[in-house]
Amino acid sequence: MKYLITSALPYINGIKHLGTLVGCMLPADVYARYLRAKGNEVLFICATDEHGTPAEISALEENMDVRAYCDKYHKIQKDIYEGFYMSFDHFGRSSSKENELLTQEFAADLMKNGYIEERTIKQIYSVDDGRFLPDRYVTGTCPHCGYEKARGDQCESCTRVLDPTDLVNPRSAISGSTNLEVRETKHLFLKLPALEEKISKFIDSKEGIWPSIVISIARKWIKEGLHERCITRDLKWGVPVAQPGFEDKVFYVWFDAPIEYIGATMEWANQDPAHRDYKEWWYDAKDVTYVEFMGKDNVPFHTITFPCSIIGTGKPWKMVDYLKGLNWLNFYGGKFSTSQHRGIFTDKALEEFKADYWRYWLMANIPEADDVSFTFESFADTINKDLNDVLGNFVSRCLKMTAANFGDTVPADGTETEEEENLKKTLSGMLADYDKYLSEMQFRKAMAELRAIWVEGNNYFARNEPWKVIKTDKARASVILRTAINLIYIYAELSKLIIPDSAAKIMAMLGRRLEDGTFIKDIRFDYVKGGEHFGFTESPFSKIAKDRVSELAVKYKAAS
């Protein structure tokens, strides 16, 4: 089958925190790896979201031209995600020419079909800055929850979508000035109410398919009544509005950013036009299953606004088949925040520990049902117990004991007994569950099953005591150790979706390489045969000391 996978686009403004990673990119990566392992054709697309006020404000803060700023941070972010082993087929940019052309095409089609109208509206104008202030250029107090640092487009605290004029005590995000006036300006609006019946049917068709959090957020928007959404802004940086009278305006970032999923695919296709066609994935692509991953704050735009834009064009652009919405990862009970520099950011995370530690903890604690709080205590406890004590210790004990008694060759003597047959049956049931949970994107359950599979190997080893058996029955010890080595092979194969670097190192000890298109279909103990060579170097895991935990908590102001 063909699967198109997109992760929510990370904003270009600076380096993202771990909440962004686990809220969209990491689970998308694990799912893409799983689908490839099952032999499916996968296209995994992401990009930096480079337009809008976050880019302009951040460039201003660094005294840089906005294009140069985006060039800088696109490379920084791309390098970081490569450091986390994100397996994107393409990591694009919403400022690409491809996205500009597609955004203007979408707008033209919507205009032609009567779903865009021109309006004169009142907008906040900063007298001191000498300019209109689009959404994020205005900050103030949220009228719904009282959060004092709400942005003009959305409250970070309660997630309510806002207009700048909704804010209480508004001020300029550029200068902090409160010398603001409301003036008239001309903009384009997407007529969402005219598409309400069609989008409601689309959401209804996903009942029982999409996660309940996604359906409930979408229906809440519809129940409250859809409103026309302004899709242009008084900015210089963005996709130009190709319409007379709008030469000094660009499209709203939330209009062009989702279109960049298609734009990034076009970028990918244009790298090898003789063999790639973006329309094969996006246009009348009935043989493609499209899966999106994102945090709950992005859900309204991907269940309502973007699908409405697609429907309104009247063209057969691919609609999302499954949307995996996730809750938030918090930091010691408070929110991770890019703007407030609160929490662990992805660049610092890679400086502190190897990527697989973060990948494992984040997936084992992925915020599927509820928000989850990160603490260094929980992080260290999970890494020490699961990766070091369960998986790492099993690999070390088995290979060291085999080397001490049989050299660097997998022992070939003896035949399997009822003990090994029972282990196969037990692990076969667990493998089926692991496969099922991954296919359903129930990642917490999948991670618990993976750990349980590792534990079962330790139980087998402890129950059969090869260190004792070797003294009286070398043939039986040979079977036990050969079985254990095959478990190491199976563990590396199953773990490569989550901890790809560590799994590759473990597999290398067996003289093998991990491949993308392989998934253990059945449990057997002849993947690695007697007589094959192996070599143990060192465990890919090590414990995190208690004093390191205390040091990190202070360093990252966990107590503040």
Protein backbone atom coordinates (compact mmCIF):
# COMPACT_ATOMS: atom_id res chain seq x y z
CA MET A 1 0.00 0.00 0.00
CA LYS A 2 0.98 3.65 -0.39
CA TYR A 3 1.06 5.87 2.68
CA LEU A 4 1.51 9.62 2.73
CA ILE A 5 2.58 10.84 6.17
CA THR A 6 2.89 14.47 7.24
CA SER A 7 4.00 15.95 10.52
CA ALA A 8 2.84 19.38 11.64
CA LEU A 9 5.33 21.93 10.37
CA PRO A 10 7.63 23.36 13.07
CA TYR A 11 7.79 27.14 13.10
CA ILE A 12 11.05 28.61 11.86
CA ASN A 13 11.40 30.87 14.91
CA GLY A 14 14.30 29.32 16.78
CA ILE A 15 14.88 25.81 18.05
CA LYS A 16 11.95 23.63 19.06
CA HIS A 17 11.44 21.97 22.44
CA LEU A 18 10.79 18.30 23.17
CA GLY A 19 7.05 18.92 23.25
CA THR A 20 7.11 19.78 19.55
CA LEU A 21 9.17 16.68 18.81
CA VAL A 22 6.83 14.22 20.56
CA GLY A 23 3.70 16.14 19.55
CA CYS A 24 4.08 15.45 15.85
CA MET A 25 7.46 14.55 14.33
CA LEU A 26 8.60 11.61 16.46
CA PRO A 27 5.39 9.53 16.38
CA ALA A 28 5.13 10.24 12.66
CA ASP A 29 8.69 8.96 12.24
CA VAL A 30 8.00 5.79 14.24
CA TYR A 31 4.87 5.12 12.19
CA ALA A 32 6.70 5.76 8.90
CA ARG A 33 9.46 3.36 9.97
CA TYR A 34 6.85 0.77 10.92
CA LEU A 35 5.05 1.03 7.58
CA ARG A 36 8.32 0.74 5.66
CA ALA A 37 9.26 -2.30 7.75
CA LYS A 38 5.95 -3.88 6.73
CA GLY A 39 6.85 -3.42 3.07
CA ASN A 40 4.63 -0.44 2.25
CA GLU A 41 5.55 2.46 -0.04
CA VAL A 42 5.87 5.50 2.24
CA LEU A 43 6.35 9.20 1.59
CA PHE A 44 7.11 11.06 4.84
CA ILE A 45 6.96 14.84 4.41
CA CYS A 46 7.72 17.76 6.71
CA ALA A 47 9.03 21.32 6.38
CA THR A 48 9.79 24.47 8.30
CA ASP A 49 6.85 26.87 8.54
CA GLU A 50 8.59 30.10 7.56
CA HIS A 51 5.95 32.76 7.00
CA GLY A 52 4.00 34.97 9.34
CA THR A 53 4.87 37.16 12.25
CA PRO A 54 6.98 34.62 14.22
CA ALA A 55 9.61 34.76 11.49
CA GLU A 56 9.53 38.54 11.16
CA ILE A 57 9.65 39.18 14.90
CA SER A 58 12.43 36.67 15.50
CA ALA A 59 14.48 38.05 12.60
CA LEU A 60 14.01 41.53 14.04
CA GLU A 61 15.24 40.34 17.44
CA GLU A 62 18.40 38.91 15.84
CA ASN A 63 18.85 41.99 13.61
CA MET A 64 18.70 39.83 10.49
CA ASP A 65 16.98 39.97 7.14
CA VAL A 66 13.99 37.63 7.40
CA ARG A 67 15.08 35.47 4.43
CA ALA A 68 18.58 35.10 5.88
CA TYR A 69 17.04 34.28 9.27
CA CYS A 70 14.90 31.54 7.72
CA ASP A 71 17.90 30.16 5.81
CA LYS A 72 19.84 29.96 9.06
CA TYR A 73 17.17 28.26 11.15
CA HIS A 74 15.99 25.89 8.44
CA LYS A 75 19.49 24.40 8.38
CA ILE A 76 19.74 24.36 12.18
CA GLN A 77 16.40 22.61 12.56
CA LYS A 78 17.11 20.17 9.72
CA ASP A 79 20.43 19.19 11.30
CA ILE A 80 18.80 18.69 14.71
CA TYR A 81 16.07 16.44 13.32
CA GLU A 82 18.70 14.40 11.50
CA GLY A 83 20.41 14.09 14.90
CA PHE A 84 17.17 12.56 16.22
CA TYR A 85 17.11 10.15 13.24
CA MET A 86 13.95 11.58 11.70
CA SER A 87 13.46 9.58 8.51
CA PHE A 88 11.83 12.32 6.42
CA ASP A 89 11.77 11.63 2.70
CA HIS A 90 11.87 15.39 2.32
CA PHE A 91 12.17 18.27 4.77
CA GLY A 92 11.08 21.32 2.85
CA ARG A 93 10.36 25.01 3.33
CA SER A 94 7.07 26.86 3.14
CA SER A 95 8.91 29.80 1.56
CA SER A 96 9.62 27.69 -1.52
CA LYS A 97 8.52 28.75 -4.97
CA GLU A 98 6.46 25.56 -5.18
CA ASN A 99 4.39 26.54 -2.16
CA GLU A 100 3.92 30.06 -3.47
CA LEU A 101 2.49 28.78 -6.76
CA LEU A 102 0.22 26.24 -5.07
CA THR A 103 -1.08 28.76 -2.50
CA GLN A 104 -1.95 31.23 -5.24
CA GLU A 105 -3.63 28.42 -7.20
CA PHE A 106 -5.72 27.43 -4.16
CA ALA A 107 -6.76 31.06 -3.63
CA ALA A 108 -7.67 31.52 -7.29
CA ASP A 109 -9.84 28.39 -7.27
CA LEU A 110 -11.57 29.39 -4.03
CA MET A 111 -12.19 32.89 -5.42
CA LYS A 112 -13.58 31.47 -8.68
CA ASN A 113 -15.94 29.18 -6.75
CA GLY A 114 -17.24 32.01 -4.57
CA TYR A 115 -15.59 30.96 -1.30
CA ILE A 116 -13.40 34.05 -0.89
CA GLU A 117 -14.70 37.58 -0.52
CA GLU A 118 -13.09 40.96 -0.11
CA ARG A 119 -13.92 42.96 3.00
CA THR A 120 -12.93 46.21 4.59
CA ILE A 121 -12.24 45.57 8.24
CA LYS A 122 -11.02 47.38 11.29
CA GLN A 123 -7.55 46.40 12.39
CA ILE A 124 -5.13 47.53 15.05
CA TYR A 125 -2.63 50.13 13.86
CA SER A 126 0.45 51.08 15.86
CA VAL A 127 1.04 54.81 15.68
CA ASP A 128 4.55 54.48 17.12
CA ASP A 129 5.52 51.66 14.74
CA GLY A 130 3.79 53.30 11.76
CA ARG A 131 2.10 50.10 10.57
CA PHE A 132 -0.85 47.77 10.90
CA LEU A 133 -0.27 44.97 13.37
CA PRO A 134 -1.38 41.52 12.14
CA ASP A 135 -2.33 38.84 14.70
CA ARG A 136 0.96 37.90 16.38
CA TYR A 137 2.22 41.46 16.30
CA VAL A 138 -0.34 42.12 19.02
CA THR A 139 -0.21 40.62 22.50
CA GLY A 140 -2.49 41.12 25.46
CA THR A 141 -4.83 39.42 27.91
CA CYS A 142 -7.05 36.58 26.67
CA PRO A 143 -10.72 37.53 27.10
CA HIS A 144 -11.63 33.90 27.77
CA CYS A 145 -9.10 32.67 30.35
CA GLY A 146 -7.25 35.80 31.48
CA TYR A 147 -3.82 34.65 30.26
CA GLU A 148 -1.77 37.86 30.07
CA LYS A 149 0.57 36.87 27.25
CA ALA A 150 -2.00 35.76 24.67
CA ARG A 151 -1.16 36.31 21.02
CA GLY A 152 -3.47 38.00 18.58
CA ASP A 153 -4.21 34.77 16.70
CA GLN A 154 -4.51 32.18 19.47
CA CYS A 155 -4.21 31.93 23.24
CA GLU A 156 -1.34 29.61 24.15
CA SER A 157 -3.02 28.83 27.47
CA CYS A 158 -6.61 27.89 26.58
CA THR A 159 -6.02 27.34 22.80
CA ARG A 160 -8.98 29.55 21.83
CA VAL A 161 -8.59 31.14 18.40
CA LEU A 162 -8.58 34.92 18.64
CA ASP A 163 -8.50 38.10 16.60
CA PRO A 164 -6.16 40.88 17.73
CA THR A 165 -9.13 43.12 18.51
CA ASP A 166 -10.38 40.50 21.01
CA LEU A 167 -7.43 41.05 23.35
CA VAL A 168 -7.75 43.02 26.56
CA ASN A 169 -5.02 45.66 27.11
CA PRO A 170 -3.41 45.05 23.70
CA ARG A 171 0.17 46.14 22.97
CA SER A 172 2.59 46.00 20.05
CA ALA A 173 4.81 42.93 19.98
CA ILE A 174 7.39 45.00 18.10
CA SER A 175 7.85 47.94 20.43
CA GLY A 176 5.58 47.21 23.39
CA SER A 177 3.69 50.40 22.61
CA THR A 178 0.09 50.72 23.76
CA ASN A 179 -0.44 53.72 21.48
CA LEU A 180 -2.71 51.73 19.22
CA GLU A 181 -5.63 52.73 17.04
CA VAL A 182 -8.26 50.80 15.15
CA ARG A 183 -8.22 51.70 11.46
CA GLU A 184 -9.83 50.34 8.31
CA THR A 185 -7.93 48.06 5.94
CA LYS A 186 -8.91 45.73 3.09
CA HIS A 187 -8.51 41.92 3.31
CA LEU A 188 -9.66 38.60 1.83
CA PHE A 189 -11.86 36.21 3.82
CA LEU A 190 -12.42 32.49 3.46
CA LYS A 191 -16.17 31.86 3.72
CA LEU A 192 -16.15 28.90 6.08
CA PRO A 193 -19.91 29.12 6.85
CA ALA A 194 -20.65 28.38 3.19
CA LEU A 195 -18.69 25.15 3.56
CA GLU A 196 -20.07 24.14 6.96
CA GLU A 197 -22.43 21.44 5.70
CA LYS A 198 -19.72 19.77 3.61
CA ILE A 199 -17.09 19.89 6.35
CA SER A 200 -19.60 18.55 8.90
CA LYS A 201 -20.24 15.52 6.70
CA PHE A 202 -16.50 15.01 6.34
CA ILE A 203 -16.00 15.08 10.12
CA ASP A 204 -18.99 12.76 10.64
CA SER A 205 -17.43 10.26 8.25
CA LYS A 206 -14.43 10.00 10.59
CA GLU A 207 -16.48 9.08 13.66
CA GLY A 208 -15.00 5.96 15.23
CA ILE A 209 -11.91 6.26 13.02
CA TRP A 210 -10.15 9.37 14.29
CA PRO A 211 -9.11 9.72 17.96
CA SER A 212 -11.87 11.16 20.15
CA ILE A 213 -9.77 14.24 20.98
CA VAL A 214 -9.65 15.15 17.27
CA ILE A 215 -13.36 14.62 16.66
CA SER A 216 -14.34 16.57 19.78
CA ILE A 217 -12.15 19.57 18.89
CA ALA A 218 -13.53 19.68 15.33
CA ARG A 219 -17.15 19.37 16.46
CA LYS A 220 -16.65 22.03 19.09
CA TRP A 221 -15.63 24.46 16.35
CA ILE A 222 -18.64 23.53 14.23
CA LYS A 223 -21.04 23.68 17.18
CA GLU A 224 -19.86 27.17 18.08
CA GLY A 225 -20.52 28.19 14.48
CA LEU A 226 -17.96 28.67 11.75
CA HIS A 227 -16.99 32.22 10.90
CA GLU A 228 -15.36 33.79 7.88
CA ARG A 229 -11.59 33.73 8.38
CA CYS A 230 -9.29 36.49 7.20
CA ILE A 231 -6.62 34.85 5.01
CA THR A 232 -4.44 37.89 4.23
CA ARG A 233 -2.11 40.01 6.36
CA ASP A 234 -0.38 43.38 6.19
CA LEU A 235 3.12 41.90 6.01
CA LYS A 236 5.97 41.90 3.51
CA TRP A 237 7.19 38.36 4.24
CA GLY A 238 4.92 35.63 2.89
CA VAL A 239 3.18 34.39 -0.22
CA PRO A 240 2.16 37.46 -2.28
CA VAL A 241 -1.55 37.96 -2.95
CA ALA A 242 -1.88 37.93 -6.73
CA GLN A 243 -4.81 40.31 -6.89
CA PRO A 244 -5.06 44.02 -7.79
CA GLY A 245 -5.18 46.22 -4.72
CA PHE A 246 -3.42 43.66 -2.53
CA GLU A 247 0.16 44.27 -3.65
CA ASP A 248 1.26 45.18 -0.11
CA LYS A 249 -0.28 42.09 1.49
CA VAL A 250 0.55 38.40 1.84
CA PHE A 251 -1.48 35.33 2.63
CA TYR A 252 -2.05 34.41 6.27
CA VAL A 253 0.49 31.81 7.39
CA TRP A 254 -2.29 29.41 8.45
CA PHE A 255 -3.62 29.52 4.88
CA ASP A 256 -0.36 28.70 3.13
CA ALA A 257 1.33 26.47 5.76
CA PRO A 258 -0.90 23.36 5.29
CA ILE A 259 -0.63 23.78 1.52
CA GLU A 260 3.12 23.33 2.06
CA TYR A 261 2.47 19.63 2.65
CA ILE A 262 1.71 19.55 -1.06
CA GLY A 263 4.41 22.14 -1.76
CA ALA A 264 7.07 20.08 0.00
CA THR A 265 5.99 17.02 -1.99
CA MET A 266 6.37 19.08 -5.15
CA GLU A 267 9.84 20.16 -3.96
CA TRP A 268 10.70 16.47 -3.47
CA ALA A 269 9.33 15.54 -6.91
CA ASN A 270 11.23 18.38 -8.60
CA GLN A 271 14.50 16.92 -7.33
CA ASP A 272 13.96 13.93 -9.65
CA PRO A 273 11.16 14.83 -12.09
CA ALA A 274 11.86 11.86 -14.34
CA HIS A 275 10.87 9.43 -11.58
CA ARG A 276 8.65 11.41 -9.21
CA ASP A 277 5.26 13.06 -9.53
CA TYR A 278 3.72 14.96 -6.62
CA LYS A 279 0.22 14.52 -8.06
CA GLU A 280 0.60 10.76 -7.71
CA TRP A 281 0.38 11.40 -3.96
CA TRP A 282 -1.93 14.41 -3.80
CA TYR A 283 -4.22 14.71 -6.81
CA ASP A 284 -7.01 12.18 -7.25
CA ALA A 285 -4.78 9.77 -5.33
CA LYS A 286 -7.33 7.09 -4.44
CA ASP A 287 -4.65 4.48 -3.79
CA VAL A 288 -2.94 6.61 -1.11
CA THR A 289 -3.72 6.55 2.61
CA TYR A 290 -2.94 9.96 4.09
CA VAL A 291 -2.05 10.23 7.81
CA GLU A 292 -1.36 13.51 9.66
CA PHE A 293 0.30 13.92 13.08
CA MET A 294 -0.05 17.03 15.23
CA GLY A 295 -0.60 18.50 18.67
CA LYS A 296 -4.12 19.35 19.80
CA ASP A 297 -3.58 23.10 19.31
CA ASN A 298 -3.12 22.51 15.56
CA VAL A 299 -6.15 20.24 15.18
CA PRO A 300 -8.75 22.94 14.33
CA PHE A 301 -6.78 24.16 11.33
CA HIS A 302 -6.34 20.63 9.97
CA THR A 303 -9.88 19.39 10.60
CA ILE A 304 -11.72 22.55 9.54
CA THR A 305 -9.73 25.28 7.79
CA PHE A 306 -7.43 23.26 5.53
CA PRO A 307 -10.08 20.66 4.56
CA CYS A 308 -12.47 23.53 3.79
CA SER A 309 -9.82 25.08 1.57
CA ILE A 310 -9.46 21.78 -0.28
CA ILE A 311 -13.20 21.23 -0.64
CA GLY A 312 -13.68 24.81 -1.81
CA THR A 313 -11.26 24.43 -4.71
CA GLY A 314 -13.53 21.84 -6.27
CA LYS A 315 -10.49 19.81 -7.22
CA PRO A 316 -9.68 16.24 -6.10
CA TRP A 317 -6.82 17.11 -3.76
CA LYS A 318 -6.11 14.37 -1.24
CA MET A 319 -8.01 14.72 2.04
CA VAL A 320 -6.63 13.34 5.28
CA ASP A 321 -7.69 9.76 6.03
CA TYR A 322 -6.43 9.60 9.62
CA LEU A 323 -5.42 12.42 11.91
CA LYS A 324 -3.41 11.48 14.99
CA GLY A 325 -3.93 14.31 17.45
CA LEU A 326 -1.80 14.41 20.58
CA ASN A 327 -1.98 16.17 23.92
CA TRP A 328 0.84 18.24 25.39
CA LEU A 329 4.11 17.31 26.98
CA ASN A 330 4.69 19.56 29.98
CA PHE A 331 7.86 20.35 31.89
CA TYR A 332 7.63 19.69 35.63
CA GLY A 333 3.92 20.49 35.57
CA GLY A 334 4.31 23.72 33.57
CA LYS A 335 4.17 24.16 29.83
CA PHE A 336 7.11 23.89 27.49
CA SER A 337 7.30 27.26 25.78
CA THR A 338 9.46 28.45 22.91
CA SER A 339 8.66 32.08 23.57
CA GLN A 340 9.45 31.81 27.29
CA HIS A 341 12.43 29.43 26.84
CA ARG A 342 10.95 26.99 29.32
CA GLY A 343 11.94 23.32 29.17
CA ILE A 344 14.42 21.19 27.24
CA PHE A 345 15.06 22.27 23.68
CA THR A 346 16.08 19.79 21.03
CA ASP A 347 19.63 21.07 20.52
CA LYS A 348 20.39 20.93 24.26
CA ALA A 349 18.74 17.52 24.55
CA LEU A 350 21.23 16.08 22.04
CA GLU A 351 24.10 17.67 23.95
CA GLU A 352 23.03 15.97 27.18
CA PHE A 353 22.16 12.45 26.00
CA LYS A 354 22.11 10.34 22.86
CA ALA A 355 19.04 10.67 20.67
CA ASP A 356 17.77 7.14 21.38
CA TYR A 357 17.37 7.93 25.09
CA TRP A 358 15.05 10.80 24.22
CA ARG A 359 13.23 8.84 21.53
CA TYR A 360 12.57 5.99 23.93
CA TRP A 361 11.38 8.09 26.85
CA LEU A 362 9.18 10.29 24.67
CA MET A 363 7.48 7.37 22.93
CA ALA A 364 7.08 5.43 26.19
CA ASN A 365 5.39 8.51 27.67
CA ILE A 366 3.73 9.93 24.57
CA PRO A 367 0.79 12.18 25.56
CA GLU A 368 -1.98 10.30 23.82
CA ALA A 369 -4.85 10.25 26.33
CA ASP A 370 -3.79 13.17 28.54
CA ASP A 371 -1.06 15.74 28.97
CA VAL A 372 2.18 14.25 30.33
CA SER A 373 4.82 15.94 32.47
CA PHE A 374 8.53 15.51 31.79
CA THR A 375 10.91 15.31 34.75
CA PHE A 376 14.56 14.33 34.80
CA GLU A 377 13.74 11.88 37.58
CA SER A 378 11.26 10.03 35.36
CA PHE A 379 13.63 10.22 32.39
CA ALA A 380 16.56 8.71 34.31
CA ASP A 381 14.38 6.04 35.91
CA THR A 382 13.00 4.88 32.55
CA ILE A 383 16.37 4.85 30.79
CA ASN A 384 18.06 3.05 33.68
CA LYS A 385 15.38 0.40 34.13
CA ASP A 386 14.24 -0.24 30.58
CA LEU A 387 17.17 0.42 28.28
CA ASN A 388 20.10 -0.30 30.60
CA ASP A 389 18.80 -2.95 33.02
CA VAL A 390 16.37 -4.85 30.77
CA LEU A 391 17.57 -4.58 27.15
CA GLY A 392 21.22 -3.61 27.57
CA ASN A 393 21.90 -6.04 30.39
CA PHE A 394 20.33 -8.92 28.43
CA VAL A 395 22.54 -8.25 25.41
CA SER A 396 25.68 -7.93 27.54
CA ARG A 397 25.07 -11.06 29.65
CA CYS A 398 24.17 -13.28 26.71
CA LEU A 399 27.06 -12.32 24.46
CA LYS A 400 29.67 -12.20 27.22
CA MET A 401 28.65 -15.61 28.55
CA THR A 402 28.62 -17.11 25.06
CA ALA A 403 32.06 -15.66 24.28
CA ALA A 404 33.47 -16.97 27.58
CA ASN A 405 32.29 -20.52 26.90
CA PHE A 406 32.17 -20.86 23.09
CA GLY A 407 34.40 -18.11 21.74
CA ASP A 408 33.09 -15.74 19.06
CA THR A 409 30.95 -18.40 17.37
CA VAL A 410 27.25 -19.02 17.98
CA PRO A 411 27.01 -22.48 19.61
CA ALA A 412 25.47 -25.11 17.34
CA ASP A 413 24.93 -28.13 19.61
CA GLY A 414 21.68 -29.38 21.15
CA THR A 415 18.03 -29.26 20.09
CA GLU A 416 15.20 -27.07 21.27
CA THR A 417 12.94 -28.32 24.04
CA GLU A 418 9.44 -27.62 25.26
CA GLU A 419 10.90 -24.59 27.07
CA GLU A 420 11.82 -22.94 23.74
CA GLU A 421 8.50 -23.94 22.15
CA ASN A 422 6.58 -22.31 24.99
CA LEU A 423 8.72 -19.19 24.66
CA LYS A 424 7.89 -19.02 20.97
CA LYS A 425 4.17 -19.22 21.71
CA THR A 426 4.37 -16.54 24.40
CA LEU A 427 6.41 -14.17 22.26
CA SER A 428 4.25 -14.80 19.19
CA GLY A 429 1.21 -13.49 21.04
CA MET A 430 3.17 -10.48 22.27
CA LEU A 431 4.52 -9.79 18.78
CA ALA A 432 0.99 -9.86 17.37
CA ASP A 433 -0.08 -7.28 19.96
CA TYR A 434 2.96 -5.09 19.26
CA ASP A 435 2.18 -5.20 15.54
CA LYS A 436 -1.51 -4.45 16.17
CA TYR A 437 -0.82 -1.47 18.45
CA LEU A 438 1.62 0.06 15.97
CA SER A 439 -0.83 -0.39 13.09
CA GLU A 440 -3.48 1.39 15.19
CA MET A 441 -1.01 4.09 16.28
CA GLN A 442 -1.57 3.19 19.93
CA PHE A 443 2.01 4.01 20.76
CA ARG A 444 1.87 3.82 24.56
CA LYS A 445 0.51 0.29 24.35
CA ALA A 446 3.07 -0.65 21.70
CA MET A 447 5.92 0.60 23.89
CA ALA A 448 4.64 -1.32 26.91
CA GLU A 449 4.46 -4.46 24.76
CA LEU A 450 7.99 -3.95 23.45
CA ARG A 451 9.34 -3.66 26.98
CA ALA A 452 7.39 -6.77 28.00
CA ILE A 453 9.00 -8.67 25.11
CA TRP A 454 12.45 -7.63 26.37
CA VAL A 455 11.50 -8.73 29.90
CA GLU A 456 10.40 -12.14 28.63
CA GLY A 457 13.90 -12.78 27.34
CA ASN A 458 15.40 -11.91 30.71
CA ASN A 459 12.89 -14.23 32.37
CA TYR A 460 13.87 -17.06 30.00
CA PHE A 461 17.56 -16.50 30.72
CA ALA A 462 17.06 -16.38 34.50
CA ARG A 463 14.75 -19.39 34.49
CA ASN A 464 17.16 -21.61 32.52
CA GLU A 465 20.37 -20.49 34.29
CA PRO A 466 22.90 -21.21 31.52
CA TRP A 467 25.75 -20.25 33.89
CA LYS A 468 24.85 -23.35 35.91
CA VAL A 469 23.82 -25.63 33.04
CA ILE A 470 27.15 -25.13 31.25
CA LYS A 471 28.89 -27.03 34.04
CA THR A 472 26.89 -30.23 33.51
CA ASP A 473 25.22 -30.09 30.07
CA LYS A 474 27.09 -28.08 27.46
CA ALA A 475 24.66 -29.05 24.68
CA ARG A 476 21.71 -27.67 26.65
CA ALA A 477 23.64 -24.51 27.48
CA SER A 478 24.36 -24.20 23.77
CA VAL A 479 20.61 -24.18 23.03
CA ILE A 480 19.89 -21.60 25.73
CA LEU A 481 22.61 -19.23 24.56
CA ARG A 482 21.74 -19.68 20.88
CA THR A 483 18.12 -18.93 21.73
CA ALA A 484 19.22 -15.84 23.65
CA ILE A 485 21.29 -14.62 20.70
CA ASN A 486 18.27 -15.03 18.45
CA LEU A 487 16.25 -13.00 20.95
CA ILE A 488 18.87 -10.26 20.62
CA TYR A 489 18.33 -10.36 16.85
CA ILE A 490 14.54 -10.17 17.32
CA TYR A 491 14.88 -7.34 19.83
CA ALA A 492 17.05 -5.29 17.49
CA GLU A 493 14.54 -5.76 14.67
CA LEU A 494 11.55 -4.78 16.81
CA SER A 495 13.37 -1.88 18.49
CA LYS A 496 14.73 -0.27 15.33
CA LEU A 497 11.54 1.76 14.94
CA ILE A 498 12.09 3.44 18.31
CA ILE A 499 15.85 3.40 18.98
CA PRO A 500 17.35 3.02 15.48
CA ASP A 501 20.98 3.81 16.34
CA SER A 502 21.12 1.47 19.35
CA ALA A 503 19.31 -1.28 17.45
CA ALA A 504 21.85 -0.98 14.61
CA LYS A 505 24.74 -1.26 17.06
CA ILE A 506 23.20 -4.32 18.69
CA MET A 507 22.59 -5.95 15.32
CA ALA A 508 26.18 -5.16 14.26
CA MET A 509 27.38 -7.29 17.20
CA LEU A 510 25.72 -10.20 15.40
CA GLY A 511 27.45 -9.30 12.16
CA ARG A 512 24.21 -8.09 10.58
CA ARG A 513 22.79 -4.81 9.27
CA LEU A 514 19.30 -3.50 9.85
CA GLU A 515 17.13 -3.02 6.77
CA ASP A 516 14.09 -0.76 6.32
CA GLY A 517 11.76 -3.26 4.67
CA THR A 518 11.85 -6.00 7.27
CA PHE A 519 9.55 -6.81 10.17
CA ILE A 520 9.68 -9.98 12.25
CA LYS A 521 6.71 -12.02 11.00
CA ASP A 522 7.11 -14.96 13.34
CA ILE A 523 9.10 -15.98 16.38
CA ARG A 524 11.73 -18.57 15.65
CA PHE A 525 15.24 -19.17 16.90
CA ASP A 526 17.15 -19.77 13.69
CA TYR A 527 17.51 -16.19 12.47
CA VAL A 528 21.07 -16.51 13.73
CA LYS A 529 22.39 -20.03 13.17
CA GLY A 530 24.96 -22.06 14.97
CA GLY A 531 28.46 -21.46 13.62
CA GLU A 532 27.92 -17.79 12.78
CA HIS A 533 30.35 -15.29 14.24
CA PHE A 534 29.48 -12.46 16.61
CA GLY A 535 31.39 -9.88 18.59
CA PHE A 536 30.50 -7.93 21.71
CA THR A 537 31.88 -4.41 21.99
CA GLU A 538 29.98 -2.62 24.73
CA SER A 539 26.39 -2.03 25.74
CA PRO A 540 24.85 0.92 23.85
CA PHE A 541 23.30 2.05 27.14
CA SER A 542 24.62 3.30 30.46
CA LYS A 543 22.93 4.41 33.66
CA ILE A 544 22.16 8.02 34.50
CA ALA A 545 23.48 8.80 37.97
CA LYS A 546 21.35 10.50 40.62
CA ASP A 547 23.73 13.43 40.94
CA ARG A 548 23.41 14.00 37.18
CA VAL A 549 19.64 14.22 37.59
CA SER A 550 19.99 16.87 40.31
CA GLU A 551 22.51 18.77 38.22
CA LEU A 552 20.20 18.82 35.17
CA ALA A 553 17.19 19.90 37.22
CA VAL A 554 19.14 22.92 38.43
CA LYS A 555 20.67 23.63 35.00
CA TYR A 556 17.29 23.75 33.27
CA LYS A 557 15.50 25.55 36.10
CA ALA A 558 13.09 22.69 36.70
CA ALA A 559 12.25 24.03 40.15
CA SER A 560 11.55 27.60 39.04
